[in-house]
Amino acid sequence: MGKKFQTIDEYIAAFPHEVQDILEKMRKVILKAAPEAEETISYGMPTFKLNGNLVHFAAYKNHIGFYPAPSGIETFKEEISEYKSSKGAVQFPLDKPAPYHLVEKMVIFRVKENLQQ
């Protein structure tokens, strides 16, 4: 997507309805786990900040990318082992139910980590 988004609402609205539903649910889960987090767009994707970057997420053709920083990936490597992942990201396929409970746990971990800085 070449468009520059100003808000998370604009970002989500740019996707098909079935993807919008997943993105909205992801946003709600993140805000529930981190109610003080500030919503913004960073690196062209929805970003939540609390004492610095907390987490990012983004929609792609076949997956939702979730970016809980390398520490989040490392801490939850067992739980995310069924998903494709890298040093700082995990991919949740669009053709499978998103693991919102796991996203919540990862966000709670990142909140604690960022507040200890």
PDB file of N, CA and C in Angstrom:
ATOM      1  N   MET A   1       0.839  -1.176   0.000  1.00  0.00           N
ATOM      2  CA  MET A   1       0.000   0.000   0.000  1.00  0.00           C
ATOM      3  C   MET A   1       0.885   1.240   0.000  1.00  0.00           C
ATOM      4  N   GLY A   2       0.706   2.087  -0.996  1.00  0.00           N
ATOM      5  CA  GLY A   2       1.514   3.271  -1.103  1.00  0.00           C
ATOM      6  C   GLY A   2       0.938   4.465  -0.361  1.00  0.00           C
ATOM      7  N   LYS A   3      -0.283   4.357   0.135  1.00  0.00           N
ATOM      8  CA  LYS A   3      -0.961   5.483   0.783  1.00  0.00           C
ATOM      9  C   LYS A   3      -0.359   5.757   2.156  1.00  0.00           C
ATOM     10  N   LYS A   4      -0.251   7.044   2.478  1.00  0.00           N
ATOM     11  CA  LYS A   4       0.206   7.452   3.809  1.00  0.00           C
ATOM     12  C   LYS A   4      -1.021   7.659   4.690  1.00  0.00           C
ATOM     13  N   PHE A   5      -1.123   6.883   5.723  1.00  0.00           N
ATOM     14  CA  PHE A   5      -2.263   6.965   6.628  1.00  0.00           C
ATOM     15  C   PHE A   5      -1.938   7.894   7.784  1.00  0.00           C
ATOM     16  N   GLN A   6      -2.942   8.654   8.211  1.00  0.00           N
ATOM     17  CA  GLN A   6      -2.787   9.563   9.346  1.00  0.00           C
ATOM     18  C   GLN A   6      -3.288   8.921  10.641  1.00  0.00           C
ATOM     19  N   THR A   7      -4.272   8.024  10.516  1.00  0.00           N
ATOM     20  CA  THR A   7      -4.869   7.411  11.714  1.00  0.00           C
ATOM     21  C   THR A   7      -5.048   5.912  11.506  1.00  0.00           C
ATOM     22  N   ILE A   8      -5.239   5.214  12.608  1.00  0.00           N
ATOM     23  CA  ILE A   8      -5.506   3.777  12.534  1.00  0.00           C
ATOM     24  C   ILE A   8      -6.852   3.533  11.860  1.00  0.00           C
ATOM     25  N   ASP A   9      -7.826   4.397  12.094  1.00  0.00           N
ATOM     26  CA  ASP A   9      -9.123   4.255  11.426  1.00  0.00           C
ATOM     27  C   ASP A   9      -8.961   4.285   9.902  1.00  0.00           C
ATOM     28  N   GLU A  10      -8.167   5.232   9.395  1.00  0.00           N
ATOM     29  CA  GLU A  10      -7.912   5.312   7.948  1.00  0.00           C
ATOM     30  C   GLU A  10      -7.238   4.032   7.452  1.00  0.00           C
ATOM     31  N   TYR A  11      -6.278   3.553   8.203  1.00  0.00           N
ATOM     32  CA  TYR A  11      -5.554   2.340   7.829  1.00  0.00           C
ATOM     33  C   TYR A  11      -6.519   1.160   7.700  1.00  0.00           C
ATOM     34  N   ILE A  12      -7.311   0.945   8.717  1.00  0.00           N
ATOM     35  CA  ILE A  12      -8.239  -0.194   8.733  1.00  0.00           C
ATOM     36  C   ILE A  12      -9.262  -0.087   7.603  1.00  0.00           C
ATOM     37  N   ALA A  13      -9.752   1.124   7.350  1.00  0.00           N
ATOM     38  CA  ALA A  13     -10.771   1.330   6.313  1.00  0.00           C
ATOM     39  C   ALA A  13     -10.271   0.994   4.906  1.00  0.00           C
ATOM     40  N   ALA A  14      -8.976   0.930   4.720  1.00  0.00           N
ATOM     41  CA  ALA A  14      -8.407   0.657   3.393  1.00  0.00           C
ATOM     42  C   ALA A  14      -8.454  -0.816   3.007  1.00  0.00           C
ATOM     43  N   PHE A  15      -8.883  -1.686   3.912  1.00  0.00           N
ATOM     44  CA  PHE A  15      -8.866  -3.130   3.662  1.00  0.00           C
ATOM     45  C   PHE A  15     -10.271  -3.678   3.460  1.00  0.00           C
ATOM     46  N   PRO A  16     -10.367  -4.881   2.848  1.00  0.00           N
ATOM     47  CA  PRO A  16     -11.683  -5.529   2.699  1.00  0.00           C
ATOM     48  C   PRO A  16     -12.316  -5.773   4.074  1.00  0.00           C
ATOM     49  N   HIS A  17     -13.642  -5.845   4.099  1.00  0.00           N
ATOM     50  CA  HIS A  17     -14.380  -5.953   5.369  1.00  0.00           C
ATOM     51  C   HIS A  17     -13.908  -7.096   6.257  1.00  0.00           C
ATOM     52  N   GLU A  18     -13.640  -8.265   5.675  1.00  0.00           N
ATOM     53  CA  GLU A  18     -13.230  -9.395   6.525  1.00  0.00           C
ATOM     54  C   GLU A  18     -11.881  -9.126   7.199  1.00  0.00           C
ATOM     55  N   VAL A  19     -11.002  -8.398   6.520  1.00  0.00           N
ATOM     56  CA  VAL A  19      -9.711  -8.031   7.118  1.00  0.00           C
ATOM     57  C   VAL A  19      -9.914  -6.900   8.129  1.00  0.00           C
ATOM     58  N   GLN A  20     -10.801  -5.970   7.816  1.00  0.00           N
ATOM     59  CA  GLN A  20     -11.117  -4.886   8.754  1.00  0.00           C
ATOM     60  C   GLN A  20     -11.573  -5.452  10.096  1.00  0.00           C
ATOM     61  N   ASP A  21     -12.403  -6.493  10.054  1.00  0.00           N
ATOM     62  CA  ASP A  21     -12.897  -7.106  11.292  1.00  0.00           C
ATOM     63  C   ASP A  21     -11.746  -7.622  12.153  1.00  0.00           C
ATOM     64  N   ILE A  22     -10.787  -8.276  11.514  1.00  0.00           N
ATOM     65  CA  ILE A  22      -9.627  -8.815  12.243  1.00  0.00           C
ATOM     66  C   ILE A  22      -8.791  -7.669  12.811  1.00  0.00           C
ATOM     67  N   LEU A  23      -8.558  -6.643  12.003  1.00  0.00           N
ATOM     68  CA  LEU A  23      -7.758  -5.502  12.457  1.00  0.00           C
ATOM     69  C   LEU A  23      -8.427  -4.769  13.619  1.00  0.00           C
ATOM     70  N   GLU A  24      -9.742  -4.583  13.536  1.00  0.00           N
ATOM     71  CA  GLU A  24     -10.473  -3.926  14.628  1.00  0.00           C
ATOM     72  C   GLU A  24     -10.389  -4.731  15.918  1.00  0.00           C
ATOM     73  N   LYS A  25     -10.537  -6.038  15.791  1.00  0.00           N
ATOM     74  CA  LYS A  25     -10.463  -6.909  16.971  1.00  0.00           C
ATOM     75  C   LYS A  25      -9.047  -6.858  17.561  1.00  0.00           C
ATOM     76  N   MET A  26      -8.039  -6.858  16.701  1.00  0.00           N
ATOM     77  CA  MET A  26      -6.650  -6.767  17.150  1.00  0.00           C
ATOM     78  C   MET A  26      -6.448  -5.452  17.923  1.00  0.00           C
ATOM     79  N   ARG A  27      -6.965  -4.383  17.374  1.00  0.00           N
ATOM     80  CA  ARG A  27      -6.863  -3.069  18.022  1.00  0.00           C
ATOM     81  C   ARG A  27      -7.528  -3.092  19.396  1.00  0.00           C
ATOM     82  N   LYS A  28      -8.723  -3.657  19.490  1.00  0.00           N
ATOM     83  CA  LYS A  28      -9.443  -3.721  20.762  1.00  0.00           C
ATOM     84  C   LYS A  28      -8.689  -4.548  21.793  1.00  0.00           C
ATOM     85  N   VAL A  29      -8.133  -5.669  21.366  1.00  0.00           N
ATOM     86  CA  VAL A  29      -7.369  -6.533  22.277  1.00  0.00           C
ATOM     87  C   VAL A  29      -6.156  -5.780  22.806  1.00  0.00           C
ATOM     88  N   ILE A  30      -5.466  -5.064  21.926  1.00  0.00           N
ATOM     89  CA  ILE A  30      -4.282  -4.306  22.335  1.00  0.00           C
ATOM     90  C   ILE A  30      -4.675  -3.214  23.331  1.00  0.00           C
ATOM     91  N   LEU A  31      -5.748  -2.489  23.033  1.00  0.00           N
ATOM     92  CA  LEU A  31      -6.174  -1.406  23.929  1.00  0.00           C
ATOM     93  C   LEU A  31      -6.680  -1.926  25.270  1.00  0.00           C
ATOM     94  N   LYS A  32      -7.288  -3.105  25.270  1.00  0.00           N
ATOM     95  CA  LYS A  32      -7.728  -3.711  26.528  1.00  0.00           C
ATOM     96  C   LYS A  32      -6.515  -4.053  27.398  1.00  0.00           C
ATOM     97  N   ALA A  33      -5.467  -4.570  26.765  1.00  0.00           N
ATOM     98  CA  ALA A  33      -4.261  -4.965  27.491  1.00  0.00           C
ATOM     99  C   ALA A  33      -3.384  -3.762  27.849  1.00  0.00           C
ATOM    100  N   ALA A  34      -3.537  -2.678  27.099  1.00  0.00           N
ATOM    101  CA  ALA A  34      -2.713  -1.484  27.321  1.00  0.00           C
ATOM    102  C   ALA A  34      -3.582  -0.231  27.188  1.00  0.00           C
ATOM    103  N   PRO A  35      -4.511  -0.019  28.122  1.00  0.00           N
ATOM    104  CA  PRO A  35      -5.452   1.092  27.981  1.00  0.00           C
ATOM    105  C   PRO A  35      -4.803   2.482  27.953  1.00  0.00           C
ATOM    106  N   GLU A  36      -3.605   2.621  28.499  1.00  0.00           N
ATOM    107  CA  GLU A  36      -2.925   3.921  28.498  1.00  0.00           C
ATOM    108  C   GLU A  36      -2.101   4.149  27.231  1.00  0.00           C
ATOM    109  N   ALA A  37      -2.031   3.153  26.376  1.00  0.00           N
ATOM    110  CA  ALA A  37      -1.204   3.283  25.171  1.00  0.00           C
ATOM    111  C   ALA A  37      -1.777   4.332  24.224  1.00  0.00           C
ATOM    112  N   GLU A  38      -0.879   5.013  23.550  1.00  0.00           N
ATOM    113  CA  GLU A  38      -1.247   6.022  22.565  1.00  0.00           C
ATOM    114  C   GLU A  38      -1.276   5.370  21.186  1.00  0.00           C
ATOM    115  N   GLU A  39      -2.354   5.615  20.452  1.00  0.00           N
ATOM    116  CA  GLU A  39      -2.470   5.094  19.088  1.00  0.00           C
ATOM    117  C   GLU A  39      -1.829   6.073  18.112  1.00  0.00           C
ATOM    118  N   THR A  40      -1.080   5.536  17.169  1.00  0.00           N
ATOM    119  CA  THR A  40      -0.469   6.369  16.147  1.00  0.00           C
ATOM    120  C   THR A  40      -0.178   5.516  14.917  1.00  0.00           C
ATOM    121  N   ILE A  41       0.362   6.129  13.904  1.00  0.00           N
ATOM    122  CA  ILE A  41       0.858   5.397  12.739  1.00  0.00           C
ATOM    123  C   ILE A  41       2.370   5.596  12.723  1.00  0.00           C
ATOM    124  N   SER A  42       3.098   4.511  12.649  1.00  0.00           N
ATOM    125  CA  SER A  42       4.550   4.576  12.573  1.00  0.00           C
ATOM    126  C   SER A  42       5.002   3.487  11.602  1.00  0.00           C
ATOM    127  N   TYR A  43       5.985   3.784  10.795  1.00  0.00           N
ATOM    128  CA  TYR A  43       6.424   2.848   9.758  1.00  0.00           C
ATOM    129  C   TYR A  43       5.260   2.460   8.847  1.00  0.00           C
ATOM    130  N   GLY A  44       4.262   3.354   8.713  1.00  0.00           N
ATOM    131  CA  GLY A  44       3.112   3.110   7.850  1.00  0.00           C
ATOM    132  C   GLY A  44       2.112   2.101   8.385  1.00  0.00           C
ATOM    133  N   MET A  45       2.221   1.754   9.668  1.00  0.00           N
ATOM    134  CA  MET A  45       1.303   0.759  10.232  1.00  0.00           C
ATOM    135  C   MET A  45       0.787   1.199  11.598  1.00  0.00           C
ATOM    136  N   PRO A  46      -0.363   0.637  12.012  1.00  0.00           N
ATOM    137  CA  PRO A  46      -0.884   0.954  13.335  1.00  0.00           C
ATOM    138  C   PRO A  46       0.149   0.628  14.421  1.00  0.00           C
ATOM    139  N   THR A  47       0.353   1.596  15.287  1.00  0.00           N
ATOM    140  CA  THR A  47       1.369   1.502  16.324  1.00  0.00           C
ATOM    141  C   THR A  47       0.773   1.955  17.654  1.00  0.00           C
ATOM    142  N   PHE A  48       1.210   1.303  18.696  1.00  0.00           N
ATOM    143  CA  PHE A  48       0.788   1.669  20.047  1.00  0.00           C
ATOM    144  C   PHE A  48       2.046   1.995  20.829  1.00  0.00           C
ATOM    145  N   LYS A  49       2.021   3.156  21.479  1.00  0.00           N
ATOM    146  CA  LYS A  49       3.194   3.616  22.220  1.00  0.00           C
ATOM    147  C   LYS A  49       2.860   3.773  23.692  1.00  0.00           C
ATOM    148  N   LEU A  50       3.798   3.387  24.516  1.00  0.00           N
ATOM    149  CA  LEU A  50       3.717   3.562  25.966  1.00  0.00           C
ATOM    150  C   LEU A  50       5.157   3.499  26.461  1.00  0.00           C
ATOM    151  N   ASN A  51       5.705   4.647  26.832  1.00  0.00           N
ATOM    152  CA  ASN A  51       7.144   4.696  27.153  1.00  0.00           C
ATOM    153  C   ASN A  51       7.961   4.190  25.965  1.00  0.00           C
ATOM    154  N   GLY A  52       7.638   4.638  24.781  1.00  0.00           N
ATOM    155  CA  GLY A  52       8.287   4.176  23.553  1.00  0.00           C
ATOM    156  C   GLY A  52       7.365   3.232  22.796  1.00  0.00           C
ATOM    157  N   ASN A  53       7.870   2.676  21.709  1.00  0.00           N
ATOM    158  CA  ASN A  53       7.059   1.740  20.920  1.00  0.00           C
ATOM    159  C   ASN A  53       6.686   0.530  21.755  1.00  0.00           C
ATOM    160  N   LEU A  54       5.412   0.183  21.694  1.00  0.00           N
ATOM    161  CA  LEU A  54       4.907  -0.981  22.422  1.00  0.00           C
ATOM    162  C   LEU A  54       4.753  -2.140  21.444  1.00  0.00           C
ATOM    163  N   VAL A  55       3.804  -2.022  20.516  1.00  0.00           N
ATOM    164  CA  VAL A  55       3.590  -3.028  19.474  1.00  0.00           C
ATOM    165  C   VAL A  55       3.080  -2.333  18.206  1.00  0.00           C
ATOM    166  N   HIS A  56       3.250  -3.018  17.086  1.00  0.00           N
ATOM    167  CA  HIS A  56       2.702  -2.598  15.791  1.00  0.00           C
ATOM    168  C   HIS A  56       1.937  -3.794  15.230  1.00  0.00           C
ATOM    169  N   PHE A  57       1.012  -3.530  14.311  1.00  0.00           N
ATOM    170  CA  PHE A  57       0.423  -4.609  13.526  1.00  0.00           C
ATOM    171  C   PHE A  57       0.140  -4.089  12.130  1.00  0.00           C
ATOM    172  N   ALA A  58       0.003  -5.011  11.189  1.00  0.00           N
ATOM    173  CA  ALA A  58      -0.238  -4.614   9.802  1.00  0.00           C
ATOM    174  C   ALA A  58      -0.878  -5.768   9.047  1.00  0.00           C
ATOM    175  N   ALA A  59      -1.704  -5.414   8.064  1.00  0.00           N
ATOM    176  CA  ALA A  59      -2.347  -6.425   7.228  1.00  0.00           C
ATOM    177  C   ALA A  59      -1.565  -6.587   5.927  1.00  0.00           C
ATOM    178  N   TYR A  60      -1.464  -7.816   5.496  1.00  0.00           N
ATOM    179  CA  TYR A  60      -0.815  -8.164   4.240  1.00  0.00           C
ATOM    180  C   TYR A  60      -1.761  -9.067   3.459  1.00  0.00           C
ATOM    181  N   LYS A  61      -1.338  -9.482   2.283  1.00  0.00           N
ATOM    182  CA  LYS A  61      -2.209 -10.274   1.414  1.00  0.00           C
ATOM    183  C   LYS A  61      -2.718 -11.545   2.097  1.00  0.00           C
ATOM    184  N   ASN A  62      -1.827 -12.249   2.803  1.00  0.00           N
ATOM    185  CA  ASN A  62      -2.194 -13.542   3.375  1.00  0.00           C
ATOM    186  C   ASN A  62      -2.086 -13.639   4.893  1.00  0.00           C
ATOM    187  N   HIS A  63      -1.679 -12.553   5.543  1.00  0.00           N
ATOM    188  CA  HIS A  63      -1.491 -12.632   6.996  1.00  0.00           C
ATOM    189  C   HIS A  63      -1.600 -11.263   7.655  1.00  0.00           C
ATOM    190  N   ILE A  64      -1.693 -11.295   8.973  1.00  0.00           N
ATOM    191  CA  ILE A  64      -1.566 -10.098   9.802  1.00  0.00           C
ATOM    192  C   ILE A  64      -0.191 -10.192  10.447  1.00  0.00           C
ATOM    193  N   GLY A  65       0.608  -9.172  10.266  1.00  0.00           N
ATOM    194  CA  GLY A  65       1.905  -9.112  10.925  1.00  0.00           C
ATOM    195  C   GLY A  65       1.735  -8.454  12.285  1.00  0.00           C
ATOM    196  N   PHE A  66       2.313  -9.038  13.297  1.00  0.00           N
ATOM    197  CA  PHE A  66       2.262  -8.485  14.646  1.00  0.00           C
ATOM    198  C   PHE A  66       3.698  -8.322  15.115  1.00  0.00           C
ATOM    199  N   TYR A  67       4.019  -7.139  15.622  1.00  0.00           N
ATOM    200  CA  TYR A  67       5.397  -6.772  15.929  1.00  0.00           C
ATOM    201  C   TYR A  67       5.531  -6.385  17.406  1.00  0.00           C
ATOM    202  N   PRO A  68       5.817  -7.363  18.274  1.00  0.00           N
ATOM    203  CA  PRO A  68       5.931  -7.086  19.704  1.00  0.00           C
ATOM    204  C   PRO A  68       7.377  -6.863  20.167  1.00  0.00           C
ATOM    205  N   ALA A  69       8.248  -6.445  19.260  1.00  0.00           N
ATOM    206  CA  ALA A  69       9.675  -6.258  19.528  1.00  0.00           C
ATOM    207  C   ALA A  69      10.353  -7.624  19.684  1.00  0.00           C
ATOM    208  N   PRO A  70      11.653  -7.659  19.471  1.00  0.00           N
ATOM    209  CA  PRO A  70      12.370  -8.947  19.598  1.00  0.00           C
ATOM    210  C   PRO A  70      12.167  -9.626  20.956  1.00  0.00           C
ATOM    211  N   SER A  71      12.058  -8.847  22.024  1.00  0.00           N
ATOM    212  CA  SER A  71      11.869  -9.448  23.354  1.00  0.00           C
ATOM    213  C   SER A  71      10.534 -10.186  23.441  1.00  0.00           C
ATOM    214  N   GLY A  72       9.499  -9.650  22.801  1.00  0.00           N
ATOM    215  CA  GLY A  72       8.192 -10.311  22.793  1.00  0.00           C
ATOM    216  C   GLY A  72       8.223 -11.615  22.012  1.00  0.00           C
ATOM    217  N   ILE A  73       8.939 -11.611  20.912  1.00  0.00           N
ATOM    218  CA  ILE A  73       9.072 -12.830  20.108  1.00  0.00           C
ATOM    219  C   ILE A  73       9.841 -13.892  20.896  1.00  0.00           C
ATOM    220  N   GLU A  74      10.941 -13.488  21.493  1.00  0.00           N
ATOM    221  CA  GLU A  74      11.774 -14.429  22.240  1.00  0.00           C
ATOM    222  C   GLU A  74      11.026 -15.016  23.438  1.00  0.00           C
ATOM    223  N   THR A  75      10.329 -14.175  24.175  1.00  0.00           N
ATOM    224  CA  THR A  75       9.620 -14.611  25.379  1.00  0.00           C
ATOM    225  C   THR A  75       8.503 -15.604  25.054  1.00  0.00           C
ATOM    226  N   PHE A  76       7.857 -15.422  23.910  1.00  0.00           N
ATOM    227  CA  PHE A  76       6.713 -16.269  23.557  1.00  0.00           C
ATOM    228  C   PHE A  76       7.035 -17.235  22.420  1.00  0.00           C
ATOM    229  N   LYS A  77       8.321 -17.584  22.261  1.00  0.00           N
ATOM    230  CA  LYS A  77       8.716 -18.415  21.112  1.00  0.00           C
ATOM    231  C   LYS A  77       8.013 -19.770  21.080  1.00  0.00           C
ATOM    232  N   GLU A  78       7.726 -20.343  22.240  1.00  0.00           N
ATOM    233  CA  GLU A  78       7.009 -21.627  22.264  1.00  0.00           C
ATOM    234  C   GLU A  78       5.579 -21.460  21.751  1.00  0.00           C
ATOM    235  N   GLU A  79       4.893 -20.430  22.273  1.00  0.00           N
ATOM    236  CA  GLU A  79       3.495 -20.211  21.889  1.00  0.00           C
ATOM    237  C   GLU A  79       3.323 -19.831  20.427  1.00  0.00           C
ATOM    238  N   ILE A  80       4.333 -19.181  19.845  1.00  0.00           N
ATOM    239  CA  ILE A  80       4.210 -18.762  18.444  1.00  0.00           C
ATOM    240  C   ILE A  80       4.889 -19.734  17.480  1.00  0.00           C
ATOM    241  N   SER A  81       5.348 -20.860  17.987  1.00  0.00           N
ATOM    242  CA  SER A  81       6.117 -21.785  17.155  1.00  0.00           C
ATOM    243  C   SER A  81       5.350 -22.302  15.940  1.00  0.00           C
ATOM    244  N   GLU A  82       4.017 -22.322  15.998  1.00  0.00           N
ATOM    245  CA  GLU A  82       3.237 -22.805  14.848  1.00  0.00           C
ATOM    246  C   GLU A  82       3.103 -21.744  13.751  1.00  0.00           C
ATOM    247  N   TYR A  83       3.548 -20.516  14.044  1.00  0.00           N
ATOM    248  CA  TYR A  83       3.438 -19.421  13.077  1.00  0.00           C
ATOM    249  C   TYR A  83       4.809 -19.068  12.515  1.00  0.00           C
ATOM    250  N   LYS A  84       4.798 -18.485  11.340  1.00  0.00           N
ATOM    251  CA  LYS A  84       6.021 -17.979  10.746  1.00  0.00           C
ATOM    252  C   LYS A  84       6.435 -16.751  11.555  1.00  0.00           C
ATOM    253  N   SER A  85       7.700 -16.678  11.934  1.00  0.00           N
ATOM    254  CA  SER A  85       8.144 -15.532  12.719  1.00  0.00           C
ATOM    255  C   SER A  85       9.584 -15.186  12.379  1.00  0.00           C
ATOM    256  N   SER A  86       9.985 -13.998  12.797  1.00  0.00           N
ATOM    257  CA  SER A  86      11.354 -13.537  12.632  1.00  0.00           C
ATOM    258  C   SER A  86      11.779 -12.897  13.942  1.00  0.00           C
ATOM    259  N   LYS A  87      12.896 -12.216  13.949  1.00  0.00           N
ATOM    260  CA  LYS A  87      13.427 -11.626  15.174  1.00  0.00           C
ATOM    261  C   LYS A  87      12.425 -10.701  15.884  1.00  0.00           C
ATOM    262  N   GLY A  88      11.629  -9.944  15.127  1.00  0.00           N
ATOM    263  CA  GLY A  88      10.737  -8.987  15.766  1.00  0.00           C
ATOM    264  C   GLY A  88       9.283  -9.076  15.353  1.00  0.00           C
ATOM    265  N   ALA A  89       8.930 -10.123  14.580  1.00  0.00           N
ATOM    266  CA  ALA A  89       7.564 -10.201  14.044  1.00  0.00           C
ATOM    267  C   ALA A  89       7.044 -11.629  14.036  1.00  0.00           C
ATOM    268  N   VAL A  90       5.713 -11.721  14.051  1.00  0.00           N
ATOM    269  CA  VAL A  90       5.049 -13.014  13.883  1.00  0.00           C
ATOM    270  C   VAL A  90       3.918 -12.804  12.878  1.00  0.00           C
ATOM    271  N   GLN A  91       3.673 -13.802  12.061  1.00  0.00           N
ATOM    272  CA  GLN A  91       2.630 -13.724  11.034  1.00  0.00           C
ATOM    273  C   GLN A  91       1.469 -14.640  11.401  1.00  0.00           C
ATOM    274  N   PHE A  92       0.271 -14.039  11.493  1.00  0.00           N
ATOM    275  CA  PHE A  92      -0.940 -14.808  11.748  1.00  0.00           C
ATOM    276  C   PHE A  92      -1.696 -14.926  10.428  1.00  0.00           C
ATOM    277  N   PRO A  93      -1.788 -16.144   9.856  1.00  0.00           N
ATOM    278  CA  PRO A  93      -2.448 -16.321   8.556  1.00  0.00           C
ATOM    279  C   PRO A  93      -3.913 -15.880   8.593  1.00  0.00           C
ATOM    280  N   LEU A  94      -4.348 -15.255   7.507  1.00  0.00           N
ATOM    281  CA  LEU A  94      -5.729 -14.787   7.423  1.00  0.00           C
ATOM    282  C   LEU A  94      -6.733 -15.929   7.319  1.00  0.00           C
ATOM    283  N   ASP A  95      -6.276 -17.101   6.895  1.00  0.00           N
ATOM    284  CA  ASP A  95      -7.200 -18.224   6.731  1.00  0.00           C
ATOM    285  C   ASP A  95      -7.359 -19.071   7.996  1.00  0.00           C
ATOM    286  N   LYS A  96      -6.813 -18.587   9.122  1.00  0.00           N
ATOM    287  CA  LYS A  96      -6.972 -19.271  10.408  1.00  0.00           C
ATOM    288  C   LYS A  96      -7.402 -18.241  11.445  1.00  0.00           C
ATOM    289  N   PRO A  97      -8.092 -18.683  12.492  1.00  0.00           N
ATOM    290  CA  PRO A  97      -8.495 -17.726  13.530  1.00  0.00           C
ATOM    291  C   PRO A  97      -7.261 -17.078  14.178  1.00  0.00           C
ATOM    292  N   ALA A  98      -7.324 -15.774  14.348  1.00  0.00           N
ATOM    293  CA  ALA A  98      -6.212 -15.061  14.988  1.00  0.00           C
ATOM    294  C   ALA A  98      -6.162 -15.423  16.474  1.00  0.00           C
ATOM    295  N   PRO A  99      -4.968 -15.608  17.027  1.00  0.00           N
ATOM    296  CA  PRO A  99      -4.832 -15.969  18.442  1.00  0.00           C
ATOM    297  C   PRO A  99      -4.863 -14.719  19.341  1.00  0.00           C
ATOM    298  N   TYR A 100      -6.047 -14.142  19.473  1.00  0.00           N
ATOM    299  CA  TYR A 100      -6.163 -12.885  20.222  1.00  0.00           C
ATOM    300  C   TYR A 100      -5.701 -13.015  21.661  1.00  0.00           C
ATOM    301  N   HIS A 101      -5.930 -14.176  22.277  1.00  0.00           N
ATOM    302  CA  HIS A 101      -5.480 -14.399  23.657  1.00  0.00           C
ATOM    303  C   HIS A 101      -3.963 -14.277  23.756  1.00  0.00           C
ATOM    304  N   LEU A 102      -3.263 -14.762  22.736  1.00  0.00           N
ATOM    305  CA  LEU A 102      -1.810 -14.692  22.705  1.00  0.00           C
ATOM    306  C   LEU A 102      -1.350 -13.247  22.472  1.00  0.00           C
ATOM    307  N   VAL A 103      -2.040 -12.546  21.597  1.00  0.00           N
ATOM    308  CA  VAL A 103      -1.733 -11.130  21.365  1.00  0.00           C
ATOM    309  C   VAL A 103      -1.862 -10.363  22.681  1.00  0.00           C
ATOM    310  N   GLU A 104      -2.930 -10.623  23.407  1.00  0.00           N
ATOM    311  CA  GLU A 104      -3.144  -9.951  24.694  1.00  0.00           C
ATOM    312  C   GLU A 104      -1.991 -10.233  25.658  1.00  0.00           C
ATOM    313  N   LYS A 105      -1.582 -11.486  25.767  1.00  0.00           N
ATOM    314  CA  LYS A 105      -0.474 -11.851  26.657  1.00  0.00           C
ATOM    315  C   LYS A 105       0.812 -11.137  26.249  1.00  0.00           C
ATOM    316  N   MET A 106       1.052 -11.059  24.948  1.00  0.00           N
ATOM    317  CA  MET A 106       2.271 -10.416  24.461  1.00  0.00           C
ATOM    318  C   MET A 106       2.242  -8.910  24.741  1.00  0.00           C
ATOM    319  N   VAL A 107       1.093  -8.298  24.594  1.00  0.00           N
ATOM    320  CA  VAL A 107       0.973  -6.864  24.868  1.00  0.00           C
ATOM    321  C   VAL A 107       1.177  -6.595  26.358  1.00  0.00           C
ATOM    322  N   ILE A 108       0.577  -7.400  27.210  1.00  0.00           N
ATOM    323  CA  ILE A 108       0.762  -7.244  28.660  1.00  0.00           C
ATOM    324  C   ILE A 108       2.238  -7.363  29.017  1.00  0.00           C
ATOM    325  N   PHE A 109       2.919  -8.318  28.411  1.00  0.00           N
ATOM    326  CA  PHE A 109       4.369  -8.472  28.622  1.00  0.00           C
ATOM    327  C   PHE A 109       5.112  -7.200  28.211  1.00  0.00           C
ATOM    328  N   ARG A 110       4.766  -6.677  27.031  1.00  0.00           N
ATOM    329  CA  ARG A 110       5.455  -5.478  26.520  1.00  0.00           C
ATOM    330  C   ARG A 110       5.163  -4.253  27.386  1.00  0.00           C
ATOM    331  N   VAL A 111       3.940  -4.133  27.909  1.00  0.00           N
ATOM    332  CA  VAL A 111       3.619  -3.016  28.802  1.00  0.00           C
ATOM    333  C   VAL A 111       4.534  -3.074  30.026  1.00  0.00           C
ATOM    334  N   LYS A 112       4.612  -4.242  30.654  1.00  0.00           N
ATOM    335  CA  LYS A 112       5.472  -4.390  31.840  1.00  0.00           C
ATOM    336  C   LYS A 112       6.914  -4.053  31.500  1.00  0.00           C
ATOM    337  N   GLU A 113       7.364  -4.550  30.365  1.00  0.00           N
ATOM    338  CA  GLU A 113       8.748  -4.308  29.944  1.00  0.00           C
ATOM    339  C   GLU A 113       9.000  -2.819  29.729  1.00  0.00           C
ATOM    340  N   ASN A 114       8.100  -2.140  29.015  1.00  0.00           N
ATOM    341  CA  ASN A 114       8.298  -0.718  28.733  1.00  0.00           C
ATOM    342  C   ASN A 114       8.199   0.152  29.987  1.00  0.00           C
ATOM    343  N   LEU A 115       7.349  -0.239  30.914  1.00  0.00           N
ATOM    344  CA  LEU A 115       7.211   0.560  32.140  1.00  0.00           C
ATOM    345  C   LEU A 115       8.400   0.390  33.082  1.00  0.00           C
ATOM    346  N   GLN A 116       9.202  -0.646  32.865  1.00  0.00           N
ATOM    347  CA  GLN A 116      10.390  -0.868  33.691  1.00  0.00           C
ATOM    348  C   GLN A 116      11.596  -0.079  33.174  1.00  0.00           C
ATOM    349  N   GLN A 117      11.468   0.525  32.010  1.00  0.00           N
ATOM    350  CA  GLN A 117      12.602   1.269  31.423  1.00  0.00           C
ATOM    351  C   GLN A 117      12.912   2.522  32.207  1.00  0.00           C
TER     352      GLN A 117
END
